[in-house]
């Protein structure tokens, strides 16, 4: 393996990590989405060019978000990571070629997984507060004989 792909991936990971402090509470989701997006875009790009990179970025971003999220965040992290990874890869490819696609996959996958996980978690807690998942309280009818 030549030095350029390794350098490009290191650059993409470093740039993705610099975008993470904005999502401090969702650091795991962001990191998983970013690393998954980069890996997916790199593999997809090697196998199928720019279209493969976009598909790989989406699949990798979603998978990375799924691996690092908890039960309340999982659906949002998968959807957000997939959308962000694919869109970031496409935008990065258009602006900066293969290296730009890797950077875009990292930033998009990380941001999408963090944001999606956050929204999903917030909705889950909101549903709990409204009582959707609490057990129903049954009224007991007492019949007394006089």
Protein backbone atom coordinates (compact mmCIF):
# COMPACT_ATOMS: atom_id res chain seq x y z
CA UNK A 1 0.00 0.00 0.00
CA UNK A 2 1.44 3.37 -0.96
CA UNK A 3 1.70 6.27 1.44
CA UNK A 4 -0.95 8.50 -0.17
CA UNK A 5 -4.10 6.56 0.81
CA UNK A 6 -2.83 6.20 4.37
CA UNK A 7 -2.07 9.91 4.53
CA UNK A 8 -5.46 10.75 3.04
CA UNK A 9 -7.32 8.58 5.53
CA UNK A 10 -5.30 10.03 8.42
CA UNK A 11 -6.16 13.52 7.23
CA UNK A 12 -9.85 12.63 6.96
CA UNK A 13 -9.93 11.17 10.47
CA UNK A 14 -8.11 14.19 11.90
CA UNK A 15 -10.55 16.59 10.27
CA UNK A 16 -13.50 14.54 11.48
CA UNK A 17 -12.11 14.54 15.01
CA UNK A 18 -11.78 18.33 14.91
CA UNK A 19 -15.51 18.62 14.20
CA UNK A 20 -16.47 16.43 17.17
CA UNK A 21 -16.39 18.85 20.12
CA UNK A 22 -19.59 20.49 18.88
CA UNK A 23 -21.37 17.21 19.68
CA UNK A 24 -19.75 16.43 23.02
CA UNK A 25 -22.70 14.48 24.40
CA UNK A 26 -22.87 12.37 21.26
CA UNK A 27 -19.14 11.77 20.90
CA UNK A 28 -19.47 8.00 20.49
CA UNK A 29 -22.06 8.27 17.74
CA UNK A 30 -20.06 10.95 15.94
CA UNK A 31 -16.85 8.97 16.12
CA UNK A 32 -18.54 5.77 14.98
CA UNK A 33 -20.30 7.50 12.09
CA UNK A 34 -17.11 9.28 11.04
CA UNK A 35 -14.90 6.21 11.11
CA UNK A 36 -17.56 4.07 9.47
CA UNK A 37 -18.14 6.68 6.76
CA UNK A 38 -14.43 6.98 5.96
CA UNK A 39 -13.91 3.24 5.87
CA UNK A 40 -17.01 2.68 3.75
CA UNK A 41 -16.10 5.45 1.32
CA UNK A 42 -12.54 4.17 0.99
CA UNK A 43 -13.63 0.60 0.29
CA UNK A 44 -16.50 1.68 -1.95
CA UNK A 45 -14.25 4.05 -3.89
CA UNK A 46 -11.68 1.33 -4.45
CA UNK A 47 -14.32 -1.08 -5.71
CA UNK A 48 -16.74 1.17 -7.57
CA UNK A 49 -15.31 4.64 -8.16
CA UNK A 50 -17.18 7.73 -7.02
CA UNK A 51 -20.60 6.05 -7.04
CA UNK A 52 -19.22 3.20 -4.96
CA UNK A 53 -17.67 5.71 -2.58
CA UNK A 54 -21.02 7.42 -2.02
CA UNK A 55 -22.76 4.10 -1.40
CA UNK A 56 -19.91 2.93 0.83
CA UNK A 57 -19.94 6.20 2.78
CA UNK A 58 -23.66 5.82 3.41
CA UNK A 59 -23.44 2.18 4.46
CA UNK A 60 -20.35 2.79 6.58
CA UNK A 61 -21.78 5.88 8.28
CA UNK A 62 -24.96 4.03 9.16
CA UNK A 63 -23.09 0.98 10.40
CA UNK A 64 -20.73 3.10 12.49
CA UNK A 65 -23.65 4.91 14.07
CA UNK A 66 -25.36 1.61 14.81
CA UNK A 67 -22.33 0.08 16.50
CA UNK A 68 -21.70 3.01 18.83
CA UNK A 69 -25.26 3.95 19.81
CA UNK A 70 -27.48 2.71 22.59
CA UNK A 71 -31.04 1.42 22.29
CA UNK A 72 -32.68 4.83 22.49
CA UNK A 73 -30.39 6.36 19.85
CA UNK A 74 -29.92 3.50 17.41
CA UNK A 75 -32.53 4.23 14.73
CA UNK A 76 -31.66 7.91 14.49
CA UNK A 77 -27.93 7.25 14.49
CA UNK A 78 -28.24 4.73 11.65
CA UNK A 79 -30.39 6.98 9.48
CA UNK A 80 -28.37 10.10 10.25
CA UNK A 81 -25.03 8.37 9.72
CA UNK A 82 -26.17 6.91 6.42
CA UNK A 83 -27.59 10.16 5.08
CA UNK A 84 -24.65 12.21 6.31
CA UNK A 85 -22.02 9.73 5.12
CA UNK A 86 -23.51 9.49 1.63
CA UNK A 87 -24.14 13.21 1.24
CA UNK A 88 -20.74 14.12 2.65
CA UNK A 89 -18.99 11.73 0.31
CA UNK A 90 -20.86 13.08 -2.72
CA UNK A 91 -20.14 16.70 -1.78
CA UNK A 92 -16.51 15.94 -0.98
CA UNK A 93 -16.01 14.07 -4.25
CA UNK A 94 -17.42 17.02 -6.17
CA UNK A 95 -15.17 19.53 -4.42
CA UNK A 96 -11.97 17.65 -3.75
CA UNK A 97 -11.85 14.32 -5.56
CA UNK A 98 -11.13 11.14 -3.65
CA UNK A 99 -9.51 12.87 -0.66
CA UNK A 100 -12.41 15.30 -0.46
CA UNK A 101 -14.80 12.38 -0.55
CA UNK A 102 -13.09 10.76 2.43
CA UNK A 103 -13.14 14.00 4.40
CA UNK A 104 -16.78 14.54 3.46
CA UNK A 105 -17.69 10.99 4.50
CA UNK A 106 -16.04 11.48 7.87
CA UNK A 107 -17.61 14.85 8.61
CA UNK A 108 -21.02 13.94 7.20
CA UNK A 109 -21.20 10.50 8.78
CA UNK A 110 -20.08 11.79 12.16
CA UNK A 111 -22.39 14.78 12.21
CA UNK A 112 -25.34 12.78 10.89
CA UNK A 113 -24.94 9.97 13.41
CA UNK A 114 -24.57 12.41 16.30
CA UNK A 115 -27.55 14.53 15.27
CA UNK A 116 -29.75 11.55 14.43
CA UNK A 117 -28.91 9.82 17.71
CA UNK A 118 -29.64 12.99 19.64
CA UNK A 119 -33.05 13.46 18.00
CA UNK A 120 -33.95 9.81 18.47
CA UNK A 121 -32.94 9.89 22.15
CA UNK A 122 -34.90 13.09 22.77
CA UNK A 123 -38.00 11.62 21.20
CA UNK A 124 -37.63 8.45 23.24
CA UNK A 125 -37.43 10.39 26.53
CA UNK A 126 -40.34 12.56 25.47
CA UNK A 127 -42.44 9.45 24.86
CA UNK A 128 -41.50 8.15 28.31
CA UNK A 129 -42.61 11.38 29.93
CA UNK A 130 -45.97 11.15 28.20
CA UNK A 131 -46.46 7.64 29.50
CA UNK A 132 -46.54 5.71 26.23
CA UNK A 133 -44.35 2.93 27.55
CA UNK A 134 -45.64 2.73 31.09
CA UNK A 135 -47.92 -0.07 32.12
CA UNK A 136 -51.60 0.59 32.13
CA UNK A 137 -53.16 0.85 35.53
CA UNK A 138 -56.21 -1.32 35.74
CA UNK A 139 -59.14 -0.28 37.85
CA UNK A 140 -60.17 -2.91 40.34
CA UNK A 141 -63.88 -3.14 40.92
CA UNK A 142 -64.73 -4.31 44.39
CA UNK A 143 -68.09 -5.96 44.95
CA UNK A 144 -69.21 -5.94 48.54
CA UNK A 145 -72.15 -7.96 49.82
CA UNK A 146 -74.40 -6.28 52.35
